[in-house]
Structure formats: C-alpha cells, structure tokens
C-alpha cells in the first residue's frame, strides 16, 4: 500500500515538472513574513545571475512569477535554483502554466514587424 502511495506522489511530481517550457517561472514557498520589497530585490539578484529578468510579479502567500528574457534562461534558472534556501525556506520553481501579459505583448510586437 505504501509503495502505491509513493508511486502516485512520484507520478504527480513528474507531471508537474513536465510543464511546457516557458520564459515565465512560477516560484512559491517564499517566506511571506519578509518585506515584499526586500523579497523582490533578492529574487531579482538571484535570478539575474543566470540571465536578464524582465519582470517579477509578487503574489500573495509566498508566490511570485519571474519573467526571464528567454525560455532557455528560464530553464537554466529552474534547474539551478529549485530547492535552494531563501530566508529560511526552500524555493519551489516550475514553469508557469500561462504566459504573462508582458510576454504576450512582446510576442505581438514581434509578429507585427
């Protein structure tokens, strides 16, 4: 019985990590007791180590969307930063299920050219 439960958990985590490649990363498990400005600044410093950060949208309850300059850069960030500690909590990172508005606008502009 316990092996079935473990297998179900592994299957679910595999499905989650197989989200479609995106330049927008969903980051959660952020310490929501930290000042939002300080948290956003530290996220910027951390992610900009791997590429250009276009935008960071802070959400409620320890969540954020980080928009990188490319899908490749976002992929590198996901691999390098998943699970690292920040303000006493380990970051959980995955590709965002939806495109951010700024990415959609940039794609529209490129299509018009």
N, C-alpha and C. Protein backbone atom coordinates (compact mmCIF):
# COMPACT_ATOMS: atom_id res chain seq x y z
N UNK A 1 0.83 -1.20 0.00
CA UNK A 1 0.00 0.00 0.00
C UNK A 1 0.87 1.26 0.00
N UNK A 2 1.92 1.24 0.80
CA UNK A 2 2.77 2.41 0.88
C UNK A 2 3.51 2.67 -0.44
N UNK A 3 3.89 1.59 -1.14
CA UNK A 3 4.57 1.79 -2.42
C UNK A 3 3.64 2.42 -3.45
N UNK A 4 2.37 2.06 -3.44
CA UNK A 4 1.41 2.67 -4.36
C UNK A 4 1.31 4.17 -4.10
N UNK A 5 1.25 4.55 -2.83
CA UNK A 5 1.16 5.96 -2.46
C UNK A 5 2.41 6.72 -2.93
N UNK A 6 3.58 6.11 -2.72
CA UNK A 6 4.83 6.74 -3.14
C UNK A 6 4.86 6.89 -4.66
N UNK A 7 4.40 5.85 -5.38
CA UNK A 7 4.39 5.90 -6.83
C UNK A 7 3.45 6.99 -7.33
N UNK A 8 2.27 7.13 -6.71
CA UNK A 8 1.33 8.19 -7.09
C UNK A 8 1.96 9.56 -6.90
N UNK A 9 2.66 9.75 -5.78
CA UNK A 9 3.32 11.02 -5.50
C UNK A 9 4.39 11.32 -6.54
N UNK A 10 5.18 10.30 -6.90
CA UNK A 10 6.23 10.48 -7.91
C UNK A 10 5.62 10.82 -9.27
N UNK A 11 4.51 10.14 -9.63
CA UNK A 11 3.84 10.42 -10.90
C UNK A 11 3.34 11.86 -10.94
N UNK A 12 2.76 12.34 -9.85
CA UNK A 12 2.25 13.71 -9.79
C UNK A 12 3.39 14.72 -9.93
N UNK A 13 4.52 14.47 -9.24
CA UNK A 13 5.63 15.42 -9.32
C UNK A 13 6.24 15.42 -10.72
N UNK A 14 6.27 14.27 -11.39
CA UNK A 14 6.78 14.22 -12.76
C UNK A 14 5.88 15.03 -13.69
N UNK A 15 4.57 14.90 -13.51
CA UNK A 15 3.63 15.65 -14.35
C UNK A 15 3.81 17.15 -14.14
N UNK A 16 3.99 17.57 -12.89
CA UNK A 16 4.16 18.99 -12.60
C UNK A 16 5.43 19.53 -13.22
N UNK A 17 6.52 18.76 -13.15
CA UNK A 17 7.79 19.26 -13.66
C UNK A 17 7.87 19.20 -15.18
N UNK A 18 6.91 18.57 -15.81
CA UNK A 18 6.89 18.49 -17.27
C UNK A 18 6.05 19.59 -17.89
N UNK A 19 5.81 20.65 -17.15
CA UNK A 19 5.06 21.77 -17.71
C UNK A 19 5.77 22.25 -18.96
N UNK A 20 4.99 22.81 -19.88
CA UNK A 20 5.56 23.31 -21.13
C UNK A 20 6.60 24.38 -20.86
N UNK A 21 7.68 24.31 -21.60
CA UNK A 21 8.77 25.28 -21.47
C UNK A 21 8.22 26.69 -21.65
N UNK A 22 8.56 27.57 -20.72
CA UNK A 22 8.05 28.94 -20.74
C UNK A 22 9.13 29.86 -20.21
N UNK A 23 9.07 31.13 -20.59
CA UNK A 23 10.04 32.06 -20.03
C UNK A 23 9.54 32.67 -18.73
N UNK A 24 8.32 32.31 -18.34
CA UNK A 24 7.77 32.76 -17.06
C UNK A 24 7.85 31.61 -16.07
N UNK A 25 8.47 31.87 -14.94
CA UNK A 25 8.61 30.86 -13.89
C UNK A 25 7.66 31.17 -12.73
N UNK A 26 7.04 30.12 -12.22
CA UNK A 26 6.20 30.24 -11.04
C UNK A 26 7.07 29.83 -9.85
N UNK A 27 7.23 30.74 -8.91
CA UNK A 27 8.06 30.49 -7.73
C UNK A 27 7.15 30.52 -6.51
N UNK A 28 7.23 29.48 -5.70
CA UNK A 28 6.46 29.51 -4.46
C UNK A 28 7.30 29.00 -3.30
N UNK A 29 6.68 28.95 -2.14
CA UNK A 29 7.34 28.64 -0.88
C UNK A 29 8.30 29.77 -0.47
N UNK A 30 7.93 31.00 -0.86
CA UNK A 30 8.70 32.16 -0.42
C UNK A 30 8.26 32.53 0.99
N UNK A 31 9.17 33.05 1.76
CA UNK A 31 8.85 33.44 3.14
C UNK A 31 8.03 34.73 3.12
N UNK A 32 6.72 34.60 3.38
CA UNK A 32 5.83 35.76 3.29
C UNK A 32 5.91 36.68 4.51
N UNK A 33 6.78 36.34 5.46
CA UNK A 33 6.99 37.22 6.62
C UNK A 33 8.06 38.28 6.32
N UNK A 34 8.73 38.13 5.19
CA UNK A 34 9.77 39.08 4.77
C UNK A 34 9.11 40.21 3.99
N UNK A 35 9.61 41.42 4.17
CA UNK A 35 9.12 42.59 3.44
C UNK A 35 9.12 42.30 1.94
N UNK A 36 8.01 42.61 1.27
CA UNK A 36 7.86 42.30 -0.17
C UNK A 36 8.93 42.96 -1.04
N UNK A 37 9.30 44.18 -0.72
CA UNK A 37 10.32 44.89 -1.50
C UNK A 37 11.67 44.19 -1.37
N UNK A 38 12.02 43.80 -0.15
CA UNK A 38 13.28 43.08 0.09
C UNK A 38 13.26 41.73 -0.60
N UNK A 39 12.14 41.04 -0.53
CA UNK A 39 12.00 39.73 -1.16
C UNK A 39 12.13 39.85 -2.68
N UNK A 40 11.46 40.83 -3.26
CA UNK A 40 11.53 41.04 -4.71
C UNK A 40 12.95 41.38 -5.15
N UNK A 41 13.63 42.21 -4.37
CA UNK A 41 15.02 42.57 -4.69
C UNK A 41 15.92 41.34 -4.66
N UNK A 42 15.76 40.50 -3.65
CA UNK A 42 16.59 39.30 -3.54
C UNK A 42 16.28 38.30 -4.65
N UNK A 43 15.02 38.18 -5.03
CA UNK A 43 14.66 37.32 -6.16
C UNK A 43 15.34 37.83 -7.43
N UNK A 44 15.29 39.15 -7.63
CA UNK A 44 15.93 39.75 -8.80
C UNK A 44 17.43 39.44 -8.83
N UNK A 45 18.10 39.66 -7.72
CA UNK A 45 19.55 39.41 -7.64
C UNK A 45 19.85 37.94 -7.95
N UNK A 46 19.09 37.05 -7.36
CA UNK A 46 19.31 35.62 -7.53
C UNK A 46 19.10 35.18 -8.98
N UNK A 47 17.97 35.55 -9.57
CA UNK A 47 17.64 35.10 -10.92
C UNK A 47 18.47 35.81 -11.99
N UNK A 48 18.84 37.07 -11.75
CA UNK A 48 19.62 37.80 -12.75
C UNK A 48 21.05 37.27 -12.88
N UNK A 49 21.46 36.42 -11.97
CA UNK A 49 22.75 35.74 -12.08
C UNK A 49 22.78 34.86 -13.33
N UNK A 50 21.62 34.38 -13.77
CA UNK A 50 21.52 33.43 -14.88
C UNK A 50 21.03 34.05 -16.18
N UNK A 51 20.60 35.30 -16.15
CA UNK A 51 20.11 35.95 -17.36
C UNK A 51 19.32 37.20 -17.01
N UNK A 52 18.78 37.83 -18.04
CA UNK A 52 18.04 39.08 -17.84
C UNK A 52 16.64 38.80 -17.30
N UNK A 53 16.31 39.48 -16.21
CA UNK A 53 14.98 39.37 -15.62
C UNK A 53 14.14 40.50 -16.19
N UNK A 54 13.04 40.15 -16.89
CA UNK A 54 12.17 41.17 -17.47
C UNK A 54 11.24 41.77 -16.43
N UNK A 55 10.70 40.92 -15.55
CA UNK A 55 9.73 41.40 -14.58
C UNK A 55 9.56 40.38 -13.46
N UNK A 56 9.14 40.86 -12.31
CA UNK A 56 8.80 39.99 -11.18
C UNK A 56 7.45 40.45 -10.66
N UNK A 57 6.48 39.56 -10.69
CA UNK A 57 5.15 39.86 -10.17
C UNK A 57 4.97 39.12 -8.85
N UNK A 58 4.95 39.87 -7.78
CA UNK A 58 4.77 39.28 -6.46
C UNK A 58 3.30 38.97 -6.24
N UNK A 59 3.01 37.79 -5.74
CA UNK A 59 1.65 37.37 -5.43
C UNK A 59 1.51 37.24 -3.92
N UNK A 60 0.32 36.92 -3.48
CA UNK A 60 0.09 36.70 -2.06
C UNK A 60 0.58 35.33 -1.63
N UNK A 61 0.74 35.17 -0.33
CA UNK A 61 1.07 33.87 0.28
C UNK A 61 2.33 33.22 -0.27
N UNK A 62 3.39 34.00 -0.40
CA UNK A 62 4.69 33.43 -0.75
C UNK A 62 4.83 32.94 -2.17
N UNK A 63 4.23 33.64 -3.11
CA UNK A 63 4.30 33.24 -4.51
C UNK A 63 4.76 34.42 -5.38
N UNK A 64 5.37 34.09 -6.51
CA UNK A 64 5.79 35.12 -7.46
C UNK A 64 5.90 34.51 -8.85
N UNK A 65 5.78 35.37 -9.86
CA UNK A 65 6.08 34.98 -11.23
C UNK A 65 7.31 35.78 -11.65
N UNK A 66 8.32 35.07 -12.13
CA UNK A 66 9.55 35.70 -12.59
C UNK A 66 9.62 35.51 -14.10
N UNK A 67 9.69 36.62 -14.83
CA UNK A 67 9.73 36.56 -16.29
C UNK A 67 11.16 36.79 -16.74
N UNK A 68 11.71 35.78 -17.40
CA UNK A 68 13.08 35.83 -17.89
C UNK A 68 13.10 36.25 -19.36
N UNK A 69 14.29 36.54 -19.89
CA UNK A 69 14.42 37.01 -21.27
C UNK A 69 14.21 35.92 -22.31
N UNK A 70 14.33 34.65 -21.92
CA UNK A 70 14.14 33.55 -22.88
C UNK A 70 13.73 32.28 -22.15
N UNK A 71 13.21 31.33 -22.91
CA UNK A 71 12.83 30.03 -22.35
C UNK A 71 14.06 29.28 -21.87
N UNK A 72 15.15 29.44 -22.60
CA UNK A 72 16.39 28.75 -22.24
C UNK A 72 16.93 29.26 -20.90
N UNK A 73 16.91 30.57 -20.73
CA UNK A 73 17.36 31.16 -19.47
C UNK A 73 16.47 30.71 -18.31
N UNK A 74 15.17 30.69 -18.56
CA UNK A 74 14.23 30.24 -17.53
C UNK A 74 14.51 28.79 -17.15
N UNK A 75 14.81 27.97 -18.14
CA UNK A 75 15.11 26.56 -17.89
C UNK A 75 16.37 26.41 -17.03
N UNK A 76 17.38 27.21 -17.32
CA UNK A 76 18.62 27.18 -16.53
C UNK A 76 18.33 27.59 -15.09
N UNK A 77 17.53 28.65 -14.92
CA UNK A 77 17.16 29.11 -13.57
C UNK A 77 16.42 28.03 -12.81
N UNK A 78 15.47 27.39 -13.48
CA UNK A 78 14.69 26.35 -12.82
C UNK A 78 15.61 25.25 -12.29
N UNK A 79 16.52 24.79 -13.12
CA UNK A 79 17.42 23.71 -12.72
C UNK A 79 18.39 24.16 -11.62
N UNK A 80 18.90 25.37 -11.74
CA UNK A 80 19.93 25.84 -10.80
C UNK A 80 19.36 26.27 -9.45
N UNK A 81 18.14 26.81 -9.44
CA UNK A 81 17.64 27.44 -8.22
C UNK A 81 16.57 26.65 -7.47
N UNK A 82 16.01 25.62 -8.09
CA UNK A 82 14.98 24.83 -7.40
C UNK A 82 15.55 24.21 -6.13
N UNK A 83 14.86 24.46 -5.04
CA UNK A 83 15.24 23.85 -3.77
C UNK A 83 16.26 24.62 -2.95
N UNK A 84 16.80 25.71 -3.48
CA UNK A 84 17.79 26.43 -2.68
C UNK A 84 17.08 27.23 -1.58
N UNK A 85 17.73 27.41 -0.44
CA UNK A 85 17.10 28.15 0.65
C UNK A 85 17.16 29.67 0.44
N UNK A 86 16.05 30.32 0.77
CA UNK A 86 15.99 31.78 0.74
C UNK A 86 15.14 32.21 1.93
N UNK A 87 15.74 32.96 2.83
CA UNK A 87 15.07 33.42 4.04
C UNK A 87 14.41 32.26 4.81
N UNK A 88 15.14 31.15 4.92
CA UNK A 88 14.69 30.03 5.74
C UNK A 88 13.71 29.08 5.09
N UNK A 89 13.41 29.25 3.81
CA UNK A 89 12.51 28.33 3.10
C UNK A 89 13.17 27.93 1.78
N UNK A 90 12.88 26.71 1.35
CA UNK A 90 13.45 26.20 0.10
C UNK A 90 12.53 26.56 -1.06
N UNK A 91 13.10 27.21 -2.09
CA UNK A 91 12.32 27.65 -3.24
C UNK A 91 11.77 26.46 -4.03
N UNK A 92 10.52 26.58 -4.43
CA UNK A 92 9.91 25.63 -5.36
C UNK A 92 9.63 26.41 -6.64
N UNK A 93 10.18 25.91 -7.74
CA UNK A 93 10.08 26.63 -9.01
C UNK A 93 9.57 25.68 -10.08
N UNK A 94 8.69 26.18 -10.93
CA UNK A 94 8.20 25.43 -12.09
C UNK A 94 7.89 26.43 -13.20
N UNK A 95 7.73 25.93 -14.40
CA UNK A 95 7.32 26.80 -15.49
C UNK A 95 5.87 27.20 -15.26
N UNK A 96 5.56 28.45 -15.53
CA UNK A 96 4.20 28.94 -15.37
C UNK A 96 3.29 28.29 -16.41
N UNK A 97 2.06 28.00 -16.01
CA UNK A 97 1.12 27.38 -16.94
C UNK A 97 0.60 28.38 -17.97
N UNK A 98 0.58 29.65 -17.61
CA UNK A 98 0.07 30.69 -18.50
C UNK A 98 1.18 31.68 -18.86
N UNK A 99 1.07 32.26 -20.04
CA UNK A 99 2.01 33.30 -20.44
C UNK A 99 1.68 34.58 -19.68
N UNK A 100 2.69 35.31 -19.32
CA UNK A 100 2.46 36.60 -18.67
C UNK A 100 2.03 37.62 -19.72
N UNK A 101 1.39 38.67 -19.27
CA UNK A 101 0.92 39.72 -20.19
C UNK A 101 2.08 40.37 -20.93
N UNK A 102 3.19 40.58 -20.24
CA UNK A 102 4.34 41.22 -20.89
C UNK A 102 4.93 40.34 -21.99
N UNK A 103 4.92 39.02 -21.80
CA UNK A 103 5.41 38.10 -22.83
C UNK A 103 4.46 38.12 -24.03
N UNK A 104 3.16 38.11 -23.77
CA UNK A 104 2.18 38.15 -24.86
C UNK A 104 2.33 39.44 -25.67
N UNK A 105 2.52 40.57 -24.99
CA UNK A 105 2.69 41.85 -25.69
C UNK A 105 3.95 41.85 -26.54
N UNK A 106 5.04 41.31 -26.00
CA UNK A 106 6.30 41.25 -26.75
C UNK A 106 6.15 40.37 -27.99
N UNK A 107 5.45 39.24 -27.85
CA UNK A 107 5.23 38.35 -28.99
C UNK A 107 4.37 39.03 -30.06
N UNK A 108 3.37 39.81 -29.62
CA UNK A 108 2.52 40.55 -30.56
C UNK A 108 3.34 41.55 -31.36
N UNK A 109 4.21 42.28 -30.67
CA UNK A 109 5.06 43.27 -31.34
C UNK A 109 5.98 42.62 -32.35
N UNK A 110 6.55 41.48 -32.00
CA UNK A 110 7.44 40.77 -32.92
C UNK A 110 6.68 40.26 -34.14
N UNK A 111 5.44 39.81 -33.93
CA UNK A 111 4.64 39.30 -35.04
C UNK A 111 4.25 40.41 -36.00
N UNK A 112 4.08 41.63 -35.50
CA UNK A 112 3.69 42.76 -36.34
C UNK A 112 4.83 43.27 -37.21
N UNK A 113 6.07 43.02 -36.80
CA UNK A 113 7.23 43.54 -37.55
C UNK A 113 7.47 42.79 -38.83
